Amino acid sequence: MNEDHEGVGTDPAPRTWNVLINAEEQYGLFPADREPPGGWRHTGFSGSEQECGRYVDEHWTDMRPLSLRHATERT
């Protein structure tokens, strides 16, 4: 049995996730049945937690935030 965020024991059906990205081109997973939090937008990819994790692994190849990558390129 799993526990949800409120600490109540549940046995939920498999959850669908969205892959999100922010302005710094950092990726994250968020439940598909919720609106993305401020500062994040949907990449267009949804799936199981495992599928979304693979998507992130394939697409987020440079972990540095975008602003740091730009700063490094200028030096």
N, C-alpha and C. Protein backbone atom coordinates (compact mmCIF):
# COMPACT_ATOMS: atom_id res chain seq x y z
N MET A 1 0.85 -1.17 0.00
CA MET A 1 0.00 0.00 0.00
C MET A 1 0.90 1.24 0.00
N ASN A 2 0.55 2.22 -0.81
CA ASN A 2 1.30 3.47 -0.90
C ASN A 2 0.66 4.53 -0.03
N GLU A 3 1.44 5.56 0.30
CA GLU A 3 0.89 6.71 1.01
C GLU A 3 0.91 7.90 0.09
N ASP A 4 -0.20 8.64 0.05
CA ASP A 4 -0.22 9.86 -0.75
C ASP A 4 0.37 11.00 0.07
N HIS A 5 0.36 12.20 -0.47
CA HIS A 5 0.99 13.34 0.18
C HIS A 5 0.34 13.72 1.51
N GLU A 6 -0.89 13.33 1.71
CA GLU A 6 -1.57 13.65 2.95
C GLU A 6 -1.34 12.58 4.01
N GLY A 7 -0.59 11.54 3.67
CA GLY A 7 -0.30 10.49 4.63
C GLY A 7 -1.39 9.46 4.76
N VAL A 8 -2.42 9.51 3.93
CA VAL A 8 -3.50 8.55 3.98
C VAL A 8 -3.13 7.36 3.11
N GLY A 9 -3.24 6.16 3.62
CA GLY A 9 -2.90 4.97 2.85
C GLY A 9 -3.82 4.83 1.65
N THR A 10 -3.22 4.58 0.48
CA THR A 10 -4.00 4.40 -0.74
C THR A 10 -3.40 3.27 -1.55
N ASP A 11 -4.12 2.81 -2.50
CA ASP A 11 -3.63 1.81 -3.44
C ASP A 11 -4.04 2.28 -4.82
N PRO A 12 -3.40 3.36 -5.32
CA PRO A 12 -3.86 4.02 -6.54
C PRO A 12 -3.57 3.24 -7.81
N ALA A 13 -4.34 3.58 -8.84
CA ALA A 13 -4.06 3.05 -10.18
C ALA A 13 -2.78 3.70 -10.68
N PRO A 14 -2.14 3.11 -11.67
CA PRO A 14 -0.92 3.72 -12.20
C PRO A 14 -1.17 5.16 -12.61
N ARG A 15 -0.25 6.03 -12.27
CA ARG A 15 -0.39 7.47 -12.53
C ARG A 15 0.29 7.83 -13.84
N THR A 16 -0.30 8.76 -14.56
CA THR A 16 0.32 9.31 -15.76
C THR A 16 1.02 10.61 -15.37
N TRP A 17 2.22 10.77 -15.91
CA TRP A 17 3.05 11.92 -15.60
C TRP A 17 3.29 12.75 -16.86
N ASN A 18 3.52 14.04 -16.66
CA ASN A 18 3.97 14.93 -17.72
C ASN A 18 5.41 15.29 -17.45
N VAL A 19 6.19 15.43 -18.52
CA VAL A 19 7.54 15.96 -18.38
C VAL A 19 7.44 17.47 -18.56
N LEU A 20 7.95 18.20 -17.58
CA LEU A 20 7.92 19.66 -17.61
C LEU A 20 9.34 20.20 -17.81
N ILE A 21 9.42 21.45 -18.25
CA ILE A 21 10.70 22.13 -18.40
C ILE A 21 10.50 23.56 -17.92
N ASN A 22 11.57 24.14 -17.35
CA ASN A 22 11.47 25.53 -16.90
C ASN A 22 12.34 26.43 -17.77
N ALA A 23 12.40 27.70 -17.45
CA ALA A 23 13.14 28.67 -18.25
C ALA A 23 14.64 28.40 -18.26
N GLU A 24 15.14 27.68 -17.26
CA GLU A 24 16.55 27.32 -17.20
C GLU A 24 16.82 25.98 -17.90
N GLU A 25 15.80 25.46 -18.58
CA GLU A 25 15.87 24.19 -19.30
C GLU A 25 16.22 23.02 -18.38
N GLN A 26 15.65 23.07 -17.17
CA GLN A 26 15.73 21.96 -16.24
C GLN A 26 14.42 21.18 -16.35
N TYR A 27 14.51 19.88 -16.26
CA TYR A 27 13.34 19.02 -16.45
C TYR A 27 12.81 18.51 -15.13
N GLY A 28 11.53 18.17 -15.12
CA GLY A 28 10.90 17.58 -13.96
C GLY A 28 9.66 16.81 -14.36
N LEU A 29 9.23 15.91 -13.48
CA LEU A 29 8.00 15.14 -13.70
C LEU A 29 6.91 15.70 -12.80
N PHE A 30 5.69 15.73 -13.33
CA PHE A 30 4.58 16.26 -12.57
C PHE A 30 3.33 15.47 -12.96
N PRO A 31 2.44 15.22 -11.99
CA PRO A 31 1.23 14.46 -12.32
C PRO A 31 0.45 15.10 -13.48
N ALA A 32 0.03 14.27 -14.43
CA ALA A 32 -0.65 14.76 -15.62
C ALA A 32 -2.03 15.34 -15.32
N ASP A 33 -2.60 14.98 -14.18
CA ASP A 33 -3.93 15.49 -13.86
C ASP A 33 -3.89 16.83 -13.13
N ARG A 34 -2.71 17.44 -13.07
CA ARG A 34 -2.56 18.75 -12.42
C ARG A 34 -1.96 19.75 -13.38
N GLU A 35 -2.26 21.02 -13.16
CA GLU A 35 -1.67 22.09 -13.94
C GLU A 35 -0.21 22.26 -13.51
N PRO A 36 0.69 22.53 -14.45
CA PRO A 36 2.09 22.74 -14.06
C PRO A 36 2.22 23.92 -13.10
N PRO A 37 3.16 23.82 -12.16
CA PRO A 37 3.37 24.96 -11.26
C PRO A 37 3.96 26.15 -12.02
N GLY A 38 3.88 27.31 -11.41
CA GLY A 38 4.41 28.52 -12.03
C GLY A 38 5.86 28.35 -12.44
N GLY A 39 6.19 28.84 -13.62
CA GLY A 39 7.56 28.75 -14.10
C GLY A 39 7.89 27.49 -14.86
N TRP A 40 6.94 26.59 -14.95
CA TRP A 40 7.15 25.32 -15.65
C TRP A 40 6.14 25.20 -16.78
N ARG A 41 6.54 24.54 -17.87
CA ARG A 41 5.63 24.29 -18.99
C ARG A 41 5.78 22.84 -19.44
N HIS A 42 4.76 22.36 -20.08
CA HIS A 42 4.72 20.97 -20.56
C HIS A 42 5.62 20.83 -21.80
N THR A 43 6.41 19.77 -21.86
CA THR A 43 7.26 19.51 -23.03
C THR A 43 6.49 18.85 -24.15
N GLY A 44 5.32 18.29 -23.82
CA GLY A 44 4.55 17.54 -24.80
C GLY A 44 4.67 16.04 -24.61
N PHE A 45 5.49 15.60 -23.64
CA PHE A 45 5.65 14.17 -23.40
C PHE A 45 4.94 13.78 -22.12
N SER A 46 4.15 12.70 -22.20
CA SER A 46 3.45 12.13 -21.04
C SER A 46 3.64 10.62 -21.06
N GLY A 47 3.57 10.01 -19.90
CA GLY A 47 3.66 8.56 -19.82
C GLY A 47 3.79 8.11 -18.38
N SER A 48 4.23 6.87 -18.21
CA SER A 48 4.46 6.35 -16.87
C SER A 48 5.68 7.06 -16.29
N GLU A 49 5.89 6.91 -15.00
CA GLU A 49 7.05 7.53 -14.36
C GLU A 49 8.34 7.02 -15.01
N GLN A 50 8.39 5.74 -15.32
CA GLN A 50 9.58 5.16 -15.95
C GLN A 50 9.79 5.71 -17.37
N GLU A 51 8.72 5.80 -18.16
CA GLU A 51 8.83 6.34 -19.51
C GLU A 51 9.28 7.80 -19.49
N CYS A 52 8.71 8.57 -18.57
CA CYS A 52 9.10 9.98 -18.47
C CYS A 52 10.55 10.12 -18.01
N GLY A 53 10.97 9.25 -17.11
CA GLY A 53 12.36 9.27 -16.67
C GLY A 53 13.32 8.99 -17.82
N ARG A 54 12.95 8.05 -18.68
CA ARG A 54 13.79 7.78 -19.86
C ARG A 54 13.84 8.98 -20.79
N TYR A 55 12.69 9.64 -20.99
CA TYR A 55 12.64 10.84 -21.83
C TYR A 55 13.58 11.91 -21.28
N VAL A 56 13.52 12.13 -19.98
CA VAL A 56 14.39 13.14 -19.35
C VAL A 56 15.85 12.74 -19.53
N ASP A 57 16.18 11.49 -19.30
CA ASP A 57 17.56 11.02 -19.47
C ASP A 57 18.06 11.26 -20.89
N GLU A 58 17.20 11.08 -21.88
CA GLU A 58 17.59 11.25 -23.28
C GLU A 58 17.72 12.71 -23.68
N HIS A 59 16.92 13.60 -23.07
CA HIS A 59 16.86 14.99 -23.50
C HIS A 59 17.63 15.97 -22.62
N TRP A 60 17.81 15.66 -21.35
CA TRP A 60 18.50 16.57 -20.44
C TRP A 60 19.94 16.09 -20.32
N THR A 61 20.73 16.40 -21.31
CA THR A 61 22.10 15.88 -21.39
C THR A 61 23.12 16.80 -20.73
N ASP A 62 22.77 18.04 -20.50
CA ASP A 62 23.66 18.99 -19.82
C ASP A 62 22.92 19.52 -18.61
N MET A 63 23.34 19.12 -17.44
CA MET A 63 22.62 19.45 -16.21
C MET A 63 22.78 20.91 -15.78
N ARG A 64 23.69 21.64 -16.41
CA ARG A 64 23.87 23.03 -16.01
C ARG A 64 22.66 23.86 -16.43
N PRO A 65 22.22 24.78 -15.55
CA PRO A 65 21.12 25.67 -15.93
C PRO A 65 21.51 26.48 -17.17
N LEU A 66 20.52 26.87 -17.95
CA LEU A 66 20.75 27.61 -19.19
C LEU A 66 21.59 28.86 -18.95
N SER A 67 21.31 29.61 -17.88
CA SER A 67 22.07 30.84 -17.61
C SER A 67 23.55 30.54 -17.39
N LEU A 68 23.88 29.44 -16.74
CA LEU A 68 25.27 29.06 -16.54
C LEU A 68 25.92 28.65 -17.85
N ARG A 69 25.19 27.91 -18.68
CA ARG A 69 25.74 27.53 -19.99
C ARG A 69 26.05 28.77 -20.81
N HIS A 70 25.16 29.75 -20.81
CA HIS A 70 25.40 31.00 -21.54
C HIS A 70 26.62 31.75 -21.00
N ALA A 71 26.71 31.81 -19.67
CA ALA A 71 27.84 32.50 -19.04
C ALA A 71 29.16 31.83 -19.38
N THR A 72 29.17 30.53 -19.41
CA THR A 72 30.37 29.76 -19.74
C THR A 72 30.77 29.97 -21.18
N GLU A 73 29.80 30.07 -22.07
CA GLU A 73 30.09 30.28 -23.50
C GLU A 73 30.70 31.65 -23.76
N ARG A 74 30.38 32.63 -22.92
CA ARG A 74 30.89 33.99 -23.10
C ARG A 74 32.34 34.14 -22.65
N THR A 75 32.84 33.20 -21.87
CA THR A 75 34.21 33.33 -21.37
C THR A 75 35.21 32.68 -22.27
